[in-house]
C-alpha cells in the first residue's frame, strides 16, 4: 500500500478532532463503496 500523507493545519484540538472524524467517515464510506463494487463484480462474473 502506498504511503498517504495529509497536511492538516488547525487552531485548536476540537478542530483537529472534527477533521479526523470527517476523514474517518469518508474512509468508512469508501470502504462501503469498495465492498459494493466487489460484490457487484462477483455477481457479474
PDB file of N, CA and C in Angstrom:
ATOM      1  N   UNK A   1       0.841  -1.181   0.000  1.00  0.00           N
ATOM      2  CA  UNK A   1       0.000   0.000   0.000  1.00  0.00           C
ATOM      3  C   UNK A   1       0.885   1.243   0.000  1.00  0.00           C
ATOM      4  N   UNK A   2       0.492   2.220  -0.791  1.00  0.00           N
ATOM      5  CA  UNK A   2       1.258   3.455  -0.862  1.00  0.00           C
ATOM      6  C   UNK A   2       1.077   4.263   0.415  1.00  0.00           C
ATOM      7  N   UNK A   3       2.094   5.038   0.717  1.00  0.00           N
ATOM      8  CA  UNK A   3       2.025   5.890   1.900  1.00  0.00           C
ATOM      9  C   UNK A   3       1.138   7.091   1.603  1.00  0.00           C
ATOM     10  N   UNK A   4       0.261   7.402   2.533  1.00  0.00           N
ATOM     11  CA  UNK A   4      -0.637   8.540   2.376  1.00  0.00           C
ATOM     12  C   UNK A   4      -0.242   9.615   3.377  1.00  0.00           C
ATOM     13  N   UNK A   5       0.030  10.802   2.877  1.00  0.00           N
ATOM     14  CA  UNK A   5       0.385  11.915   3.753  1.00  0.00           C
ATOM     15  C   UNK A   5      -0.660  13.002   3.609  1.00  0.00           C
ATOM     16  N   UNK A   6      -1.143  13.472   4.743  1.00  0.00           N
ATOM     17  CA  UNK A   6      -2.145  14.526   4.747  1.00  0.00           C
ATOM     18  C   UNK A   6      -1.636  15.661   5.621  1.00  0.00           C
ATOM     19  N   UNK A   7      -1.616  16.852   5.063  1.00  0.00           N
ATOM     20  CA  UNK A   7      -1.176  18.015   5.822  1.00  0.00           C
ATOM     21  C   UNK A   7      -2.397  18.688   6.433  1.00  0.00           C
ATOM     22  N   UNK A   8      -2.367  18.870   7.744  1.00  0.00           N
ATOM     23  CA  UNK A   8      -3.503  19.459   8.449  1.00  0.00           C
ATOM     24  C   UNK A   8      -3.025  20.667   9.241  1.00  0.00           C
ATOM     25  N   UNK A   9      -3.722  21.777   9.075  1.00  0.00           N
ATOM     26  CA  UNK A   9      -3.436  22.968   9.869  1.00  0.00           C
ATOM     27  C   UNK A   9      -4.661  23.224  10.748  1.00  0.00           C
ATOM     28  N   UNK A  10      -4.444  23.350  12.049  1.00  0.00           N
ATOM     29  CA  UNK A  10      -5.577  23.576  12.936  1.00  0.00           C
ATOM     30  C   UNK A  10      -5.219  24.579  14.024  1.00  0.00           C
ATOM     31  N   UNK A  11      -6.255  25.228  14.536  1.00  0.00           N
ATOM     32  CA  UNK A  11      -6.045  26.248  15.557  1.00  0.00           C
ATOM     33  C   UNK A  11      -6.308  25.708  16.955  1.00  0.00           C
ATOM     34  N   UNK A  12      -7.123  24.665  17.043  1.00  0.00           N
ATOM     35  CA  UNK A  12      -7.394  24.072  18.352  1.00  0.00           C
ATOM     36  C   UNK A  12      -7.686  22.588  18.211  1.00  0.00           C
ATOM     37  N   UNK A  13      -7.648  21.892  19.312  1.00  0.00           N
ATOM     38  CA  UNK A  13      -7.797  20.433  19.293  1.00  0.00           C
ATOM     39  C   UNK A  13      -9.192  20.012  18.831  1.00  0.00           C
ATOM     40  N   UNK A  14     -10.223  20.810  19.113  1.00  0.00           N
ATOM     41  CA  UNK A  14     -11.576  20.464  18.668  1.00  0.00           C
ATOM     42  C   UNK A  14     -11.670  20.459  17.145  1.00  0.00           C
ATOM     43  N   UNK A  15     -11.004  21.419  16.510  1.00  0.00           N
ATOM     44  CA  UNK A  15     -10.991  21.456  15.045  1.00  0.00           C
ATOM     45  C   UNK A  15     -10.299  20.211  14.499  1.00  0.00           C
ATOM     46  N   UNK A  16      -9.194  19.816  15.133  1.00  0.00           N
ATOM     47  CA  UNK A  16      -8.478  18.615  14.708  1.00  0.00           C
ATOM     48  C   UNK A  16      -9.362  17.381  14.855  1.00  0.00           C
ATOM     49  N   UNK A  17     -10.080  17.288  15.964  1.00  0.00           N
ATOM     50  CA  UNK A  17     -10.979  16.146  16.186  1.00  0.00           C
ATOM     51  C   UNK A  17     -12.048  16.084  15.102  1.00  0.00           C
ATOM     52  N   UNK A  18     -12.614  17.248  14.735  1.00  0.00           N
ATOM     53  CA  UNK A  18     -13.635  17.284  13.685  1.00  0.00           C
ATOM     54  C   UNK A  18     -13.058  16.834  12.345  1.00  0.00           C
ATOM     55  N   UNK A  19     -11.841  17.309  12.031  1.00  0.00           N
ATOM     56  CA  UNK A  19     -11.206  16.920  10.769  1.00  0.00           C
ATOM     57  C   UNK A  19     -10.926  15.421  10.734  1.00  0.00           C
ATOM     58  N   UNK A  20     -10.434  14.886  11.843  1.00  0.00           N
ATOM     59  CA  UNK A  20     -10.140  13.453  11.897  1.00  0.00           C
ATOM     60  C   UNK A  20     -11.421  12.629  11.787  1.00  0.00           C
ATOM     61  N   UNK A  21     -12.487  13.061  12.448  1.00  0.00           N
ATOM     62  CA  UNK A  21     -13.757  12.341  12.364  1.00  0.00           C
ATOM     63  C   UNK A  21     -14.296  12.374  10.941  1.00  0.00           C
ATOM     64  N   UNK A  22     -14.158  13.520  10.288  1.00  0.00           N
ATOM     65  CA  UNK A  22     -14.587  13.641   8.897  1.00  0.00           C
ATOM     66  C   UNK A  22     -13.792  12.687   8.006  1.00  0.00           C
ATOM     67  N   UNK A  23     -12.488  12.614   8.236  1.00  0.00           N
ATOM     68  CA  UNK A  23     -11.645  11.703   7.458  1.00  0.00           C
ATOM     69  C   UNK A  23     -12.056  10.256   7.696  1.00  0.00           C
ATOM     70  N   UNK A  24     -12.328   9.904   8.952  1.00  0.00           N
ATOM     71  CA  UNK A  24     -12.759   8.541   9.283  1.00  0.00           C
ATOM     72  C   UNK A  24     -14.070   8.223   8.572  1.00  0.00           C
ATOM     73  N   UNK A  25     -15.014   9.159   8.590  1.00  0.00           N
ATOM     74  CA  UNK A  25     -16.300   8.946   7.923  1.00  0.00           C
ATOM     75  C   UNK A  25     -16.111   8.720   6.426  1.00  0.00           C
ATOM     76  N   UNK A  26     -15.242   9.505   5.802  1.00  0.00           N
ATOM     77  CA  UNK A  26     -15.000   9.353   4.367  1.00  0.00           C
ATOM     78  C   UNK A  26     -14.347   8.010   4.058  1.00  0.00           C
ATOM     79  N   UNK A  27     -13.434   7.569   4.920  1.00  0.00           N
ATOM     80  CA  UNK A  27     -12.789   6.266   4.732  1.00  0.00           C
ATOM     81  C   UNK A  27     -13.815   5.150   4.858  1.00  0.00           C
ATOM     82  N   UNK A  28     -14.722   5.260   5.837  1.00  0.00           N
ATOM     83  CA  UNK A  28     -15.759   4.243   6.006  1.00  0.00           C
ATOM     84  C   UNK A  28     -16.684   4.206   4.797  1.00  0.00           C
ATOM     85  N   UNK A  29     -17.023   5.376   4.249  1.00  0.00           N
ATOM     86  CA  UNK A  29     -17.857   5.421   3.045  1.00  0.00           C
ATOM     87  C   UNK A  29     -17.133   4.771   1.872  1.00  0.00           C
ATOM     88  N   UNK A  30     -15.842   5.042   1.748  1.00  0.00           N
ATOM     89  CA  UNK A  30     -15.042   4.455   0.678  1.00  0.00           C
ATOM     90  C   UNK A  30     -14.992   2.938   0.818  1.00  0.00           C
ATOM     91  N   UNK A  31     -14.805   2.464   2.044  1.00  0.00           N
ATOM     92  CA  UNK A  31     -14.789   1.017   2.278  1.00  0.00           C
ATOM     93  C   UNK A  31     -16.115   0.396   1.873  1.00  0.00           C
ATOM     94  N   UNK A  32     -17.222   1.054   2.214  1.00  0.00           N
ATOM     95  CA  UNK A  32     -18.541   0.555   1.841  1.00  0.00           C
ATOM     96  C   UNK A  32     -18.714   0.519   0.331  1.00  0.00           C
ATOM     97  N   UNK A  33     -18.264   1.561  -0.335  1.00  0.00           N
ATOM     98  CA  UNK A  33     -18.357   1.618  -1.791  1.00  0.00           C
ATOM     99  C   UNK A  33     -17.521   0.519  -2.434  1.00  0.00           C
ATOM    100  N   UNK A  34     -16.303   0.337  -1.946  1.00  0.00           N
ATOM    101  CA  UNK A  34     -15.436  -0.705  -2.498  1.00  0.00           C
ATOM    102  C   UNK A  34     -16.027  -2.090  -2.259  1.00  0.00           C
ATOM    103  N   UNK A  35     -16.658  -2.279  -1.105  1.00  0.00           N
ATOM    104  CA  UNK A  35     -17.298  -3.557  -0.801  1.00  0.00           C
ATOM    105  C   UNK A  35     -18.450  -3.821  -1.774  1.00  0.00           C
ATOM    106  N   UNK A  36     -19.255  -2.770  -2.049  1.00  0.00           N
ATOM    107  CA  UNK A  36     -20.362  -2.917  -3.001  1.00  0.00           C
ATOM    108  C   UNK A  36     -19.835  -3.245  -4.396  1.00  0.00           C
ATOM    109  N   UNK A  37     -18.760  -2.574  -4.803  1.00  0.00           N
ATOM    110  CA  UNK A  37     -18.158  -2.836  -6.113  1.00  0.00           C
ATOM    111  C   UNK A  37     -17.667  -4.277  -6.178  1.00  0.00           C
ATOM    112  N   UNK A  38     -17.036  -4.731  -5.108  1.00  0.00           N
ATOM    113  CA  UNK A  38     -16.524  -6.100  -5.059  1.00  0.00           C
ATOM    114  C   UNK A  38     -17.666  -7.104  -5.200  1.00  0.00           C
ATOM    115  N   UNK A  39     -18.757  -6.881  -4.474  1.00  0.00           N
ATOM    116  CA  UNK A  39     -19.911  -7.785  -4.549  1.00  0.00           C
ATOM    117  C   UNK A  39     -20.538  -7.744  -5.935  1.00  0.00           C
ATOM    118  N   UNK A  40     -20.592  -6.551  -6.531  1.00  0.00           N
ATOM    119  CA  UNK A  40     -21.154  -6.399  -7.864  1.00  0.00           C
ATOM    120  C   UNK A  40     -20.310  -7.164  -8.882  1.00  0.00           C
ATOM    121  N   UNK A  41     -18.981  -7.059  -8.750  1.00  0.00           N
ATOM    122  CA  UNK A  41     -18.085  -7.761  -9.667  1.00  0.00           C
ATOM    123  C   UNK A  41     -18.274  -9.270  -9.544  1.00  0.00           C
ATOM    124  N   UNK A  42     -18.486  -9.748  -8.317  1.00  0.00           N
ATOM    125  CA  UNK A  42     -18.696 -11.183  -8.105  1.00  0.00           C
ATOM    126  C   UNK A  42     -19.978 -11.622  -8.807  1.00  0.00           C
ATOM    127  N   UNK A  43     -21.043 -10.811  -8.716  1.00  0.00           N
ATOM    128  CA  UNK A  43     -22.314 -11.157  -9.348  1.00  0.00           C
ATOM    129  C   UNK A  43     -22.205 -11.134 -10.870  1.00  0.00           C
ATOM    130  N   UNK A  44     -21.455 -10.190 -11.408  1.00  0.00           N
ATOM    131  CA  UNK A  44     -21.326 -10.054 -12.859  1.00  0.00           C
ATOM    132  C   UNK A  44     -20.508 -11.195 -13.441  1.00  0.00           C
ATOM    133  N   UNK A  45     -19.452 -11.583 -12.734  1.00  0.00           N
ATOM    134  CA  UNK A  45     -18.575 -12.648 -13.220  1.00  0.00           C
ATOM    135  C   UNK A  45     -19.267 -13.944 -12.980  1.00  0.00           C
TER     136      UNK A  45
END
